All heavy atoms as atom14 arrays in JSON, in Angstrom:
{
  "sequence": "SVRPERYSHDIISETGEFVINLVNKKLTKTNDYCG",
  "atom14_mask": [
    [1, 1, 1, 1, 1, 1, 0, 0, 0, 0, 0, 0, 0, 0],
    [1, 1, 1, 1, 1, 1, 1, 0, 0, 0, 0, 0, 0, 0],
    [1, 1, 1, 1, 1, 1, 1, 1, 1, 1, 1, 0, 0, 0],
    [1, 1, 1, 1, 1, 1, 1, 0, 0, 0, 0, 0, 0, 0],
    [1, 1, 1, 1, 1, 1, 1, 1, 1, 0, 0, 0, 0, 0],
    [1, 1, 1, 1, 1, 1, 1, 1, 1, 1, 1, 0, 0, 0],
    [1, 1, 1, 1, 1, 1, 1, 1, 1, 1, 1, 1, 0, 0],
    [1, 1, 1, 1, 1, 1, 0, 0, 0, 0, 0, 0, 0, 0],
    [1, 1, 1, 1, 1, 1, 1, 1, 1, 1, 0, 0, 0, 0],
    [1, 1, 1, 1, 1, 1, 1, 1, 0, 0, 0, 0, 0, 0],
    [1, 1, 1, 1, 1, 1, 1, 1, 0, 0, 0, 0, 0, 0],
    [1, 1, 1, 1, 1, 1, 1, 1, 0, 0, 0, 0, 0, 0],
    [1, 1, 1, 1, 1, 1, 0, 0, 0, 0, 0, 0, 0, 0],
    [1, 1, 1, 1, 1, 1, 1, 1, 1, 0, 0, 0, 0, 0],
    [1, 1, 1, 1, 1, 1, 1, 0, 0, 0, 0, 0, 0, 0],
    [1, 1, 1, 1, 0, 0, 0, 0, 0, 0, 0, 0, 0, 0],
    [1, 1, 1, 1, 1, 1, 1, 1, 1, 0, 0, 0, 0, 0],
    [1, 1, 1, 1, 1, 1, 1, 1, 1, 1, 1, 0, 0, 0],
    [1, 1, 1, 1, 1, 1, 1, 0, 0, 0, 0, 0, 0, 0],
    [1, 1, 1, 1, 1, 1, 1, 1, 0, 0, 0, 0, 0, 0],
    [1, 1, 1, 1, 1, 1, 1, 1, 0, 0, 0, 0, 0, 0],
    [1, 1, 1, 1, 1, 1, 1, 1, 0, 0, 0, 0, 0, 0],
    [1, 1, 1, 1, 1, 1, 1, 0, 0, 0, 0, 0, 0, 0],
    [1, 1, 1, 1, 1, 1, 1, 1, 0, 0, 0, 0, 0, 0],
    [1, 1, 1, 1, 1, 1, 1, 1, 1, 0, 0, 0, 0, 0],
    [1, 1, 1, 1, 1, 1, 1, 1, 1, 0, 0, 0, 0, 0],
    [1, 1, 1, 1, 1, 1, 1, 1, 0, 0, 0, 0, 0, 0],
    [1, 1, 1, 1, 1, 1, 1, 0, 0, 0, 0, 0, 0, 0],
    [1, 1, 1, 1, 1, 1, 1, 1, 1, 0, 0, 0, 0, 0],
    [1, 1, 1, 1, 1, 1, 1, 0, 0, 0, 0, 0, 0, 0],
    [1, 1, 1, 1, 1, 1, 1, 1, 0, 0, 0, 0, 0, 0],
    [1, 1, 1, 1, 1, 1, 1, 1, 0, 0, 0, 0, 0, 0],
    [1, 1, 1, 1, 1, 1, 1, 1, 1, 1, 1, 1, 0, 0],
    [1, 1, 1, 1, 1, 1, 0, 0, 0, 0, 0, 0, 0, 0],
    [1, 1, 1, 1, 0, 0, 0, 0, 0, 0, 0, 0, 0, 0]
  ],
  "atom14_positions": [
    [[0.85, -1.19, 0.0], [0.0, 0.0, 0.0], [0.88, 1.24, 0.0], [1.8, 1.36, 0.81], [-0.92, -0.01, 1.23], [-1.86, -1.06, 1.11], [0.0, 0.0, 0.0], [0.0, 0.0, 0.0], [0.0, 0.0, 0.0], [0.0, 0.0, 0.0], [0.0, 0.0, 0.0], [0.0, 0.0, 0.0], [0.0, 0.0, 0.0], [0.0, 0.0, 0.0]],
    [[0.61, 2.15, -0.95], [1.45, 3.32, -1.17], [0.56, 4.55, -1.27], [-0.48, 4.53, -1.94], [2.26, 3.17, -2.49], [3.2, 4.36, -2.7], [3.03, 1.86, -2.52], [0.0, 0.0, 0.0], [0.0, 0.0, 0.0], [0.0, 0.0, 0.0], [0.0, 0.0, 0.0], [0.0, 0.0, 0.0], [0.0, 0.0, 0.0], [0.0, 0.0, 0.0]],
    [[0.97, 5.63, -0.63], [0.24, 6.9, -0.76], [0.4, 7.44, -2.18], [1.51, 7.43, -2.72], [0.78, 7.94, 0.22], [0.42, 7.68, 1.67], [0.95, 8.81, 2.57], [0.59, 8.58, 3.94], [-0.55, 8.97, 4.5], [-1.45, 9.62, 3.77], [-0.8, 8.72, 5.76], [0.0, 0.0, 0.0], [0.0, 0.0, 0.0], [0.0, 0.0, 0.0]],
    [[-0.68, 7.92, -2.81], [-0.6, 8.42, -4.18], [0.41, 9.56, -4.38], [0.95, 9.72, -5.46], [-2.02, 8.9, -4.49], [-2.88, 8.06, -3.59], [-2.06, 7.87, -2.33], [0.0, 0.0, 0.0], [0.0, 0.0, 0.0], [0.0, 0.0, 0.0], [0.0, 0.0, 0.0], [0.0, 0.0, 0.0], [0.0, 0.0, 0.0], [0.0, 0.0, 0.0]],
    [[0.68, 10.33, -3.34], [1.61, 11.45, -3.49], [3.08, 11.04, -3.42], [3.97, 11.86, -3.68], [1.33, 12.56, -2.45], [1.45, 12.12, -1.01], [0.14, 11.62, -0.4], [-0.82, 11.29, -1.14], [0.09, 11.53, 0.84], [0.0, 0.0, 0.0], [0.0, 0.0, 0.0], [0.0, 0.0, 0.0], [0.0, 0.0, 0.0], [0.0, 0.0, 0.0]],
    [[3.35, 9.79, -3.12], [4.73, 9.32, -3.06], [5.3, 9.18, -4.47], [4.6, 8.76, -5.4], [4.83, 7.98, -2.32], [4.44, 8.03, -0.86], [5.37, 8.85, 0.03], [6.72, 8.35, 0.08], [7.19, 7.54, 1.03], [6.43, 7.14, 2.01], [8.44, 7.14, 0.97], [0.0, 0.0, 0.0], [0.0, 0.0, 0.0], [0.0, 0.0, 0.0]],
    [[6.56, 9.51, -4.64], [7.25, 9.47, -5.94], [7.14, 8.08, -6.59], [6.91, 7.96, -7.79], [8.71, 9.87, -5.72], [9.59, 9.83, -6.94], [9.39, 10.73, -7.99], [10.64, 8.93, -7.02], [10.21, 10.71, -9.11], [11.47, 8.9, -8.13], [11.25, 9.79, -9.17], [12.06, 9.76, -10.26], [0.0, 0.0, 0.0], [0.0, 0.0, 0.0]],
    [[7.29, 7.03, -5.8], [7.25, 5.66, -6.34], [5.87, 5.25, -6.82], [5.76, 4.34, -7.65], [7.73, 4.66, -5.28], [9.08, 4.88, -4.99], [0.0, 0.0, 0.0], [0.0, 0.0, 0.0], [0.0, 0.0, 0.0], [0.0, 0.0, 0.0], [0.0, 0.0, 0.0], [0.0, 0.0, 0.0], [0.0, 0.0, 0.0], [0.0, 0.0, 0.0]],
    [[4.83, 5.87, -6.3], [3.47, 5.5, -6.68], [3.28, 5.59, -8.19], [2.78, 4.66, -8.82], [2.46, 6.38, -5.94], [1.04, 6.02, -6.22], [0.39, 6.4, -7.39], [0.14, 5.31, -5.5], [-0.85, 5.94, -7.36], [-1.03, 5.27, -6.23], [0.0, 0.0, 0.0], [0.0, 0.0, 0.0], [0.0, 0.0, 0.0], [0.0, 0.0, 0.0]],
    [[3.68, 6.71, -8.77], [3.52, 6.89, -10.22], [4.39, 5.91, -11.0], [3.97, 5.41, -12.05], [3.85, 8.32, -10.63], [2.77, 9.31, -10.2], [1.66, 8.88, -9.86], [3.05, 10.53, -10.19], [0.0, 0.0, 0.0], [0.0, 0.0, 0.0], [0.0, 0.0, 0.0], [0.0, 0.0, 0.0], [0.0, 0.0, 0.0], [0.0, 0.0, 0.0]],
    [[5.6, 5.65, -10.51], [6.49, 4.72, -11.2], [5.86, 3.33, -11.25], [5.8, 2.7, -12.31], [7.88, 4.66, -10.52], [8.56, 6.03, -10.58], [8.76, 3.6, -11.17], [9.83, 6.13, -9.74], [0.0, 0.0, 0.0], [0.0, 0.0, 0.0], [0.0, 0.0, 0.0], [0.0, 0.0, 0.0], [0.0, 0.0, 0.0], [0.0, 0.0, 0.0]],
    [[5.38, 2.85, -10.12], [4.77, 1.52, -10.06], [3.49, 1.48, -10.88], [3.22, 0.51, -11.6], [4.53, 1.09, -8.6], [5.88, 0.94, -7.87], [3.73, -0.2, -8.53], [5.77, 0.8, -6.37], [0.0, 0.0, 0.0], [0.0, 0.0, 0.0], [0.0, 0.0, 0.0], [0.0, 0.0, 0.0], [0.0, 0.0, 0.0], [0.0, 0.0, 0.0]],
    [[2.7, 2.56, -10.82], [1.46, 2.63, -11.62], [1.76, 2.54, -13.11], [1.05, 1.86, -13.85], [0.71, 3.93, -11.33], [0.25, 3.96, -10.0], [0.0, 0.0, 0.0], [0.0, 0.0, 0.0], [0.0, 0.0, 0.0], [0.0, 0.0, 0.0], [0.0, 0.0, 0.0], [0.0, 0.0, 0.0], [0.0, 0.0, 0.0], [0.0, 0.0, 0.0]],
    [[2.8, 3.24, -13.57], [3.14, 3.27, -14.99], [3.79, 1.98, -15.48], [3.48, 1.49, -16.56], [4.07, 4.45, -15.29], [3.39, 5.8, -15.15], [4.37, 6.96, -15.21], [5.48, 6.79, -15.79], [4.04, 8.03, -14.68], [0.0, 0.0, 0.0], [0.0, 0.0, 0.0], [0.0, 0.0, 0.0], [0.0, 0.0, 0.0], [0.0, 0.0, 0.0]],
    [[4.69, 1.41, -14.68], [5.44, 0.24, -15.13], [4.74, -1.07, -14.82], [4.98, -2.08, -15.48], [6.84, 0.19, -14.49], [6.7, 0.05, -13.07], [7.64, 1.45, -14.83], [0.0, 0.0, 0.0], [0.0, 0.0, 0.0], [0.0, 0.0, 0.0], [0.0, 0.0, 0.0], [0.0, 0.0, 0.0], [0.0, 0.0, 0.0], [0.0, 0.0, 0.0]],
    [[3.91, -1.08, -13.78], [3.2, -2.3, -13.39], [4.09, -3.36, -12.77], [3.75, -4.54, -12.79], [0.0, 0.0, 0.0], [0.0, 0.0, 0.0], [0.0, 0.0, 0.0], [0.0, 0.0, 0.0], [0.0, 0.0, 0.0], [0.0, 0.0, 0.0], [0.0, 0.0, 0.0], [0.0, 0.0, 0.0], [0.0, 0.0, 0.0], [0.0, 0.0, 0.0]],
    [[5.22, -2.94, -12.2], [6.11, -3.91, -11.58], [6.94, -3.28, -10.47], [7.12, -2.06, -10.43], [7.02, -4.57, -12.62], [7.9, -3.61, -13.36], [8.71, -4.29, -14.46], [8.23, -5.25, -15.08], [9.84, -3.83, -14.69], [0.0, 0.0, 0.0], [0.0, 0.0, 0.0], [0.0, 0.0, 0.0], [0.0, 0.0, 0.0], [0.0, 0.0, 0.0]],
    [[7.42, -4.13, -9.58], [8.29, -3.69, -8.48], [8.96, -4.92, -7.89], [8.6, -6.05, -8.19], [7.5, -2.92, -7.41], [6.34, -3.68, -6.82], [6.51, -4.5, -5.7], [5.06, -3.56, -7.36], [5.43, -5.18, -5.15], [3.98, -4.25, -6.81], [4.17, -5.06, -5.69], [0.0, 0.0, 0.0], [0.0, 0.0, 0.0], [0.0, 0.0, 0.0]],
    [[9.96, -4.67, -7.04], [10.64, -5.75, -6.33], [10.55, -5.44, -4.84], [10.89, -4.34, -4.4], [12.12, -5.88, -6.75], [12.82, -6.99, -5.95], [12.24, -6.14, -8.25], [0.0, 0.0, 0.0], [0.0, 0.0, 0.0], [0.0, 0.0, 0.0], [0.0, 0.0, 0.0], [0.0, 0.0, 0.0], [0.0, 0.0, 0.0], [0.0, 0.0, 0.0]],
    [[10.06, -6.41, -4.06], [10.08, -6.3, -2.61], [11.41, -6.87, -2.14], [11.74, -8.02, -2.43], [8.92, -7.08, -1.96], [7.57, -6.48, -2.38], [9.06, -7.08, -0.43], [6.37, -7.27, -1.89], [0.0, 0.0, 0.0], [0.0, 0.0, 0.0], [0.0, 0.0, 0.0], [0.0, 0.0, 0.0], [0.0, 0.0, 0.0], [0.0, 0.0, 0.0]],
    [[12.19, -6.06, -1.44], [13.5, -6.45, -0.93], [13.41, -6.54, 0.59], [13.14, -5.53, 1.26], [14.54, -5.41, -1.33], [14.6, -5.21, -2.83], [15.26, -5.95, -3.54], [13.88, -4.21, -3.33], [0.0, 0.0, 0.0], [0.0, 0.0, 0.0], [0.0, 0.0, 0.0], [0.0, 0.0, 0.0], [0.0, 0.0, 0.0], [0.0, 0.0, 0.0]],
    [[13.58, -7.76, 1.14], [13.49, -7.92, 2.59], [14.65, -7.2, 3.26], [15.74, -7.06, 2.7], [13.48, -9.39, 2.97], [12.31, -10.23, 2.41], [12.29, -11.62, 3.05], [10.98, -9.54, 2.59], [0.0, 0.0, 0.0], [0.0, 0.0, 0.0], [0.0, 0.0, 0.0], [0.0, 0.0, 0.0], [0.0, 0.0, 0.0], [0.0, 0.0, 0.0]],
    [[14.39, -6.74, 4.49], [15.36, -5.92, 5.22], [15.9, -6.69, 6.42], [15.12, -7.19, 7.24], [14.71, -4.6, 5.67], [15.66, -3.77, 6.52], [14.24, -3.8, 4.46], [0.0, 0.0, 0.0], [0.0, 0.0, 0.0], [0.0, 0.0, 0.0], [0.0, 0.0, 0.0], [0.0, 0.0, 0.0], [0.0, 0.0, 0.0], [0.0, 0.0, 0.0]],
    [[17.22, -6.75, 6.51], [17.85, -7.36, 7.68], [18.41, -6.27, 8.6], [18.32, -5.08, 8.29], [18.93, -8.37, 7.26], [20.03, -7.74, 6.42], [20.19, -6.52, 6.37], [20.79, -8.58, 5.74], [0.0, 0.0, 0.0], [0.0, 0.0, 0.0], [0.0, 0.0, 0.0], [0.0, 0.0, 0.0], [0.0, 0.0, 0.0], [0.0, 0.0, 0.0]],
    [[18.98, -6.69, 9.7], [19.49, -5.75, 10.7], [20.51, -4.78, 10.08], [20.49, -3.59, 10.37], [20.12, -6.53, 11.86], [20.6, -5.67, 12.98], [21.15, -6.51, 14.11], [21.71, -5.63, 15.22], [22.28, -6.43, 16.31], [0.0, 0.0, 0.0], [0.0, 0.0, 0.0], [0.0, 0.0, 0.0], [0.0, 0.0, 0.0], [0.0, 0.0, 0.0]],
    [[21.39, -5.29, 9.22], [22.41, -4.44, 8.61], [21.81, -3.34, 7.72], [22.42, -2.3, 7.53], [23.38, -5.29, 7.77], [24.36, -6.07, 8.6], [25.2, -7.04, 7.78], [25.91, -6.4, 6.63], [26.79, -7.33, 5.91], [0.0, 0.0, 0.0], [0.0, 0.0, 0.0], [0.0, 0.0, 0.0], [0.0, 0.0, 0.0], [0.0, 0.0, 0.0]],
    [[20.63, -3.57, 7.18], [19.99, -2.61, 6.28], [18.99, -1.69, 6.97], [18.33, -0.89, 6.3], [19.28, -3.36, 5.15], [20.17, -4.04, 4.11], [19.34, -4.93, 3.19], [20.95, -3.01, 3.31], [0.0, 0.0, 0.0], [0.0, 0.0, 0.0], [0.0, 0.0, 0.0], [0.0, 0.0, 0.0], [0.0, 0.0, 0.0], [0.0, 0.0, 0.0]],
    [[18.89, -1.75, 8.28], [17.87, -0.98, 8.99], [18.0, 0.53, 8.76], [17.02, 1.22, 8.48], [17.88, -1.29, 10.5], [17.71, -2.7, 10.67], [16.76, -0.57, 11.23], [0.0, 0.0, 0.0], [0.0, 0.0, 0.0], [0.0, 0.0, 0.0], [0.0, 0.0, 0.0], [0.0, 0.0, 0.0], [0.0, 0.0, 0.0], [0.0, 0.0, 0.0]],
    [[19.21, 1.07, 8.88], [19.39, 2.51, 8.68], [19.08, 2.89, 7.23], [18.46, 3.91, 6.97], [20.82, 2.92, 9.05], [21.03, 4.41, 9.03], [22.4, 4.79, 9.58], [22.55, 6.31, 9.62], [23.85, 6.7, 10.17], [0.0, 0.0, 0.0], [0.0, 0.0, 0.0], [0.0, 0.0, 0.0], [0.0, 0.0, 0.0], [0.0, 0.0, 0.0]],
    [[19.5, 2.06, 6.28], [19.2, 2.28, 4.87], [17.69, 2.26, 4.64], [17.14, 3.11, 3.94], [19.88, 1.19, 4.01], [21.29, 1.28, 4.22], [19.55, 1.35, 2.55], [0.0, 0.0, 0.0], [0.0, 0.0, 0.0], [0.0, 0.0, 0.0], [0.0, 0.0, 0.0], [0.0, 0.0, 0.0], [0.0, 0.0, 0.0], [0.0, 0.0, 0.0]],
    [[17.02, 1.3, 5.24], [15.56, 1.18, 5.16], [14.9, 2.46, 5.66], [13.98, 2.99, 5.02], [15.13, -0.03, 5.99], [13.65, -0.26, 5.98], [13.06, -0.59, 4.97], [13.03, -0.11, 7.14], [0.0, 0.0, 0.0], [0.0, 0.0, 0.0], [0.0, 0.0, 0.0], [0.0, 0.0, 0.0], [0.0, 0.0, 0.0], [0.0, 0.0, 0.0]],
    [[15.35, 2.96, 6.78], [14.78, 4.18, 7.33], [15.02, 5.37, 6.39], [14.09, 6.13, 6.11], [15.38, 4.46, 8.72], [14.71, 5.64, 9.39], [13.52, 5.52, 9.75], [15.36, 6.69, 9.54], [0.0, 0.0, 0.0], [0.0, 0.0, 0.0], [0.0, 0.0, 0.0], [0.0, 0.0, 0.0], [0.0, 0.0, 0.0], [0.0, 0.0, 0.0]],
    [[16.25, 5.52, 5.9], [16.59, 6.62, 4.99], [15.68, 6.59, 3.76], [15.17, 7.63, 3.32], [18.06, 6.5, 4.56], [18.49, 7.57, 3.59], [18.95, 8.8, 4.04], [18.46, 7.35, 2.21], [19.36, 9.78, 3.15], [18.85, 8.32, 1.31], [19.3, 9.54, 1.79], [19.7, 10.5, 0.9], [0.0, 0.0, 0.0], [0.0, 0.0, 0.0]],
    [[15.47, 5.41, 3.2], [14.65, 5.29, 1.99], [13.19, 5.6, 2.26], [12.42, 5.83, 1.32], [14.82, 3.9, 1.38], [16.46, 3.64, 0.68], [0.0, 0.0, 0.0], [0.0, 0.0, 0.0], [0.0, 0.0, 0.0], [0.0, 0.0, 0.0], [0.0, 0.0, 0.0], [0.0, 0.0, 0.0], [0.0, 0.0, 0.0], [0.0, 0.0, 0.0]],
    [[12.79, 5.63, 3.53], [11.43, 5.98, 3.89], [11.22, 7.44, 4.2], [10.09, 7.92, 4.24], [0.0, 0.0, 0.0], [0.0, 0.0, 0.0], [0.0, 0.0, 0.0], [0.0, 0.0, 0.0], [0.0, 0.0, 0.0], [0.0, 0.0, 0.0], [0.0, 0.0, 0.0], [0.0, 0.0, 0.0], [0.0, 0.0, 0.0], [0.0, 0.0, 0.0]]
  ]
}
C-alpha cells in the first residue's frame, strides 16, 4: 500500500512492476533513509 503522493506510486502505476527487498538488521538505517 502506497500513498498516491509518493514518488514511487507513479512509477509503479506506470510500469506495473516492483521488487520487494526484505530488510535485515544491517539494512535498517538504509531502510529508514529510503522511507
